């Protein structure tokens, strides 16, 4: 798979350890505030933010869609739409769309293994916003 991290060269990786380390190093205010993991078929997961305020999105080629991970219950103390500012720009985010690094790693690992995503997440269609 291809791992792309802000301000780092694109890498063709063969071990999930590389993904784990990159996710744990993400910080919304730092030089590495977003990354993407892409399969050969073009499907990808992208993460912005870091720590307890990660946003995870999933792009699929067939059928073409772009979705955002959503928790059943928000874990952050925020109320209403928030703005996540990171190196890639700004995202409008609902409280239930903020995931922890642990949440993100569980989804990325399932993606890596070709397994089902964790059942504690659902997906919100963002195709009309992202394209």
C-alpha atoms as a PDB file:
ATOM      1  CA  UNK A   1       0.000   0.000   0.000  1.00  0.00           C
ATOM      2  CA  UNK A   2       0.971   3.608  -0.430  1.00  0.00           C
ATOM      3  CA  UNK A   3       1.417   5.746   2.697  1.00  0.00           C
ATOM      4  CA  UNK A   4       1.426   9.510   2.221  1.00  0.00           C
ATOM      5  CA  UNK A   5       2.166  11.731   5.226  1.00  0.00           C
ATOM      6  CA  UNK A   6       2.244  15.524   5.125  1.00  0.00           C
ATOM      7  CA  UNK A   7       5.811  16.783   4.509  1.00  0.00           C
ATOM      8  CA  UNK A   8       7.215  13.293   3.943  1.00  0.00           C
ATOM      9  CA  UNK A   9       7.926  11.429   0.702  1.00  0.00           C
ATOM     10  CA  UNK A  10       5.273   8.984  -0.491  1.00  0.00           C
ATOM     11  CA  UNK A  11       6.151   5.427   0.553  1.00  0.00           C
ATOM     12  CA  UNK A  12       5.209   1.999  -0.735  1.00  0.00           C
ATOM     13  CA  UNK A  13       5.012   0.129   2.570  1.00  0.00           C
ATOM     14  CA  UNK A  14       4.927  -3.560   3.409  1.00  0.00           C
ATOM     15  CA  UNK A  15       4.378  -3.449   7.179  1.00  0.00           C
ATOM     16  CA  UNK A  16       1.549  -2.023   9.263  1.00  0.00           C
ATOM     17  CA  UNK A  17       4.175  -0.879  11.782  1.00  0.00           C
ATOM     18  CA  UNK A  18       4.901   2.051   9.438  1.00  0.00           C
ATOM     19  CA  UNK A  19       1.236   3.077   9.476  1.00  0.00           C
ATOM     20  CA  UNK A  20       1.024   2.763  13.254  1.00  0.00           C
ATOM     21  CA  UNK A  21       4.034   5.012  13.788  1.00  0.00           C
ATOM     22  CA  UNK A  22       2.802   7.617  11.320  1.00  0.00           C
ATOM     23  CA  UNK A  23      -0.667   7.816  12.924  1.00  0.00           C
ATOM     24  CA  UNK A  24       0.759   8.120  16.434  1.00  0.00           C
ATOM     25  CA  UNK A  25       2.974  11.014  15.254  1.00  0.00           C
ATOM     26  CA  UNK A  26       0.061  13.051  13.817  1.00  0.00           C
ATOM     27  CA  UNK A  27      -0.726  16.389  15.453  1.00  0.00           C
ATOM     28  CA  UNK A  28      -3.138  18.939  14.007  1.00  0.00           C
ATOM     29  CA  UNK A  29      -0.675  21.749  14.795  1.00  0.00           C
ATOM     30  CA  UNK A  30       2.521  19.994  13.697  1.00  0.00           C
ATOM     31  CA  UNK A  31       4.401  19.344  10.467  1.00  0.00           C
ATOM     32  CA  UNK A  32       2.634  15.971  10.112  1.00  0.00           C
ATOM     33  CA  UNK A  33      -1.089  16.681  10.499  1.00  0.00           C
ATOM     34  CA  UNK A  34      -2.608  14.361   7.895  1.00  0.00           C
ATOM     35  CA  UNK A  35      -1.946  11.122   6.068  1.00  0.00           C
ATOM     36  CA  UNK A  36      -3.531   8.732   3.624  1.00  0.00           C
ATOM     37  CA  UNK A  37      -3.247   5.000   3.035  1.00  0.00           C
ATOM     38  CA  UNK A  38      -4.125   3.852  -0.487  1.00  0.00           C
ATOM     39  CA  UNK A  39      -4.682   0.365  -1.894  1.00  0.00           C
ATOM     40  CA  UNK A  40      -3.684  -0.662  -5.413  1.00  0.00           C
ATOM     41  CA  UNK A  41      -7.335  -0.359  -6.528  1.00  0.00           C
ATOM     42  CA  UNK A  42      -7.404   3.326  -5.494  1.00  0.00           C
ATOM     43  CA  UNK A  43      -9.522   2.936  -2.337  1.00  0.00           C
ATOM     44  CA  UNK A  44      -8.069   4.981   0.505  1.00  0.00           C
ATOM     45  CA  UNK A  45      -8.413   6.107   4.083  1.00  0.00           C
ATOM     46  CA  UNK A  46      -7.289   9.577   5.051  1.00  0.00           C
ATOM     47  CA  UNK A  47      -6.752  10.970   8.531  1.00  0.00           C
ATOM     48  CA  UNK A  48      -6.477  14.574   9.684  1.00  0.00           C
ATOM     49  CA  UNK A  49      -5.683  15.845  13.160  1.00  0.00           C
ATOM     50  CA  UNK A  50      -4.208  13.742  15.922  1.00  0.00           C
ATOM     51  CA  UNK A  51      -4.625  12.444  19.458  1.00  0.00           C
ATOM     52  CA  UNK A  52      -8.270  12.634  20.521  1.00  0.00           C
ATOM     53  CA  UNK A  53      -9.300  14.856  17.607  1.00  0.00           C
ATOM     54  CA  UNK A  54      -8.753  12.780  14.479  1.00  0.00           C
ATOM     55  CA  UNK A  55     -11.103  12.825  11.504  1.00  0.00           C
ATOM     56  CA  UNK A  56     -11.146   9.719   9.320  1.00  0.00           C
ATOM     57  CA  UNK A  57     -12.491   9.553   5.773  1.00  0.00           C
ATOM     58  CA  UNK A  58     -12.840   6.625   3.388  1.00  0.00           C
ATOM     59  CA  UNK A  59     -12.776   6.966  -0.372  1.00  0.00           C
ATOM     60  CA  UNK A  60     -13.986   4.091  -2.538  1.00  0.00           C
ATOM     61  CA  UNK A  61     -13.607   3.761  -6.285  1.00  0.00           C
ATOM     62  CA  UNK A  62     -16.453   1.263  -6.885  1.00  0.00           C
ATOM     63  CA  UNK A  63     -19.007   2.498  -6.273  1.00  0.00           C
ATOM     64  CA  UNK A  64     -17.445   5.953  -6.217  1.00  0.00           C
ATOM     65  CA  UNK A  65     -18.005   7.460  -2.769  1.00  0.00           C
ATOM     66  CA  UNK A  66     -16.408   9.490  -0.002  1.00  0.00           C
ATOM     67  CA  UNK A  67     -17.479   8.881   3.588  1.00  0.00           C
ATOM     68  CA  UNK A  68     -16.553  10.100   7.062  1.00  0.00           C
ATOM     69  CA  UNK A  69     -16.334   7.882  10.152  1.00  0.00           C
ATOM     70  CA  UNK A  70     -18.928   8.570  12.846  1.00  0.00           C
ATOM     71  CA  UNK A  71     -19.129   7.309  16.421  1.00  0.00           C
ATOM     72  CA  UNK A  72     -22.514   6.396  17.899  1.00  0.00           C
ATOM     73  CA  UNK A  73     -21.796   8.805  20.777  1.00  0.00           C
ATOM     74  CA  UNK A  74     -19.386  11.725  20.775  1.00  0.00           C
ATOM     75  CA  UNK A  75     -16.385  11.406  23.084  1.00  0.00           C
ATOM     76  CA  UNK A  76     -15.333  15.039  22.962  1.00  0.00           C
ATOM     77  CA  UNK A  77     -16.814  17.778  25.174  1.00  0.00           C
ATOM     78  CA  UNK A  78     -17.620  19.990  22.183  1.00  0.00           C
ATOM     79  CA  UNK A  79     -21.181  20.874  21.234  1.00  0.00           C
ATOM     80  CA  UNK A  80     -22.135  21.741  17.669  1.00  0.00           C
ATOM     81  CA  UNK A  81     -20.040  21.936  14.531  1.00  0.00           C
ATOM     82  CA  UNK A  82     -16.329  22.534  15.126  1.00  0.00           C
ATOM     83  CA  UNK A  83     -13.542  23.534  12.775  1.00  0.00           C
ATOM     84  CA  UNK A  84     -10.480  21.287  12.692  1.00  0.00           C
ATOM     85  CA  UNK A  85      -7.540  23.338  11.471  1.00  0.00           C
ATOM     86  CA  UNK A  86      -4.592  21.318  10.178  1.00  0.00           C
ATOM     87  CA  UNK A  87      -1.870  21.494   7.545  1.00  0.00           C
ATOM     88  CA  UNK A  88      -4.284  20.599   4.748  1.00  0.00           C
ATOM     89  CA  UNK A  89      -6.739  23.389   5.592  1.00  0.00           C
ATOM     90  CA  UNK A  90      -9.923  23.347   7.618  1.00  0.00           C
ATOM     91  CA  UNK A  91     -12.668  20.757   8.080  1.00  0.00           C
ATOM     92  CA  UNK A  92     -16.123  21.333   9.528  1.00  0.00           C
ATOM     93  CA  UNK A  93     -16.616  18.466  11.964  1.00  0.00           C
ATOM     94  CA  UNK A  94     -19.488  17.289  14.135  1.00  0.00           C
ATOM     95  CA  UNK A  95     -18.597  16.107  17.673  1.00  0.00           C
ATOM     96  CA  UNK A  96     -19.352  12.450  16.856  1.00  0.00           C
ATOM     97  CA  UNK A  97     -16.890  12.629  13.938  1.00  0.00           C
ATOM     98  CA  UNK A  98     -13.869  13.132  16.235  1.00  0.00           C
ATOM     99  CA  UNK A  99     -12.048   9.839  16.717  1.00  0.00           C
ATOM    100  CA  UNK A 100      -9.086   8.911  18.867  1.00  0.00           C
ATOM    101  CA  UNK A 101      -5.805   7.604  17.520  1.00  0.00           C
ATOM    102  CA  UNK A 102      -6.838   4.169  18.823  1.00  0.00           C
ATOM    103  CA  UNK A 103     -10.095   4.313  16.835  1.00  0.00           C
ATOM    104  CA  UNK A 104      -8.234   5.344  13.703  1.00  0.00           C
ATOM    105  CA  UNK A 105      -5.628   2.618  14.070  1.00  0.00           C
ATOM    106  CA  UNK A 106      -8.309  -0.057  14.423  1.00  0.00           C
ATOM    107  CA  UNK A 107      -9.920   1.024  11.135  1.00  0.00           C
ATOM    108  CA  UNK A 108      -6.597   1.368   9.322  1.00  0.00           C
ATOM    109  CA  UNK A 109      -5.560  -2.092  10.496  1.00  0.00           C
ATOM    110  CA  UNK A 110      -8.821  -3.609   9.225  1.00  0.00           C
ATOM    111  CA  UNK A 111      -8.285  -1.790   5.886  1.00  0.00           C
ATOM    112  CA  UNK A 112      -4.724  -3.147   5.759  1.00  0.00           C
ATOM    113  CA  UNK A 113      -5.903  -6.707   6.451  1.00  0.00           C
ATOM    114  CA  UNK A 114      -8.917  -6.513   4.129  1.00  0.00           C
ATOM    115  CA  UNK A 115     -11.189  -7.156   7.114  1.00  0.00           C
ATOM    116  CA  UNK A 116     -14.512  -5.644   8.196  1.00  0.00           C
ATOM    117  CA  UNK A 117     -14.274  -2.238   9.852  1.00  0.00           C
ATOM    118  CA  UNK A 118     -14.970  -2.055  13.605  1.00  0.00           C
ATOM    119  CA  UNK A 119     -18.667  -2.175  14.452  1.00  0.00           C
ATOM    120  CA  UNK A 120     -18.513   0.848  16.785  1.00  0.00           C
ATOM    121  CA  UNK A 121     -18.291   3.128  13.736  1.00  0.00           C
ATOM    122  CA  UNK A 122     -20.715   4.052  11.018  1.00  0.00           C
ATOM    123  CA  UNK A 123     -20.055   6.099   7.916  1.00  0.00           C
ATOM    124  CA  UNK A 124     -21.592   9.412   6.824  1.00  0.00           C
ATOM    125  CA  UNK A 125     -21.706  10.030   3.072  1.00  0.00           C
ATOM    126  CA  UNK A 126     -19.653  13.111   2.192  1.00  0.00           C
ATOM    127  CA  UNK A 127     -19.684  12.606  -1.571  1.00  0.00           C
ATOM    128  CA  UNK A 128     -21.776  15.732  -2.127  1.00  0.00           C
ATOM    129  CA  UNK A 129     -19.256  17.817  -0.133  1.00  0.00           C
ATOM    130  CA  UNK A 130     -15.968  16.221  -1.151  1.00  0.00           C
ATOM    131  CA  UNK A 131     -16.844  14.899  -4.589  1.00  0.00           C
END
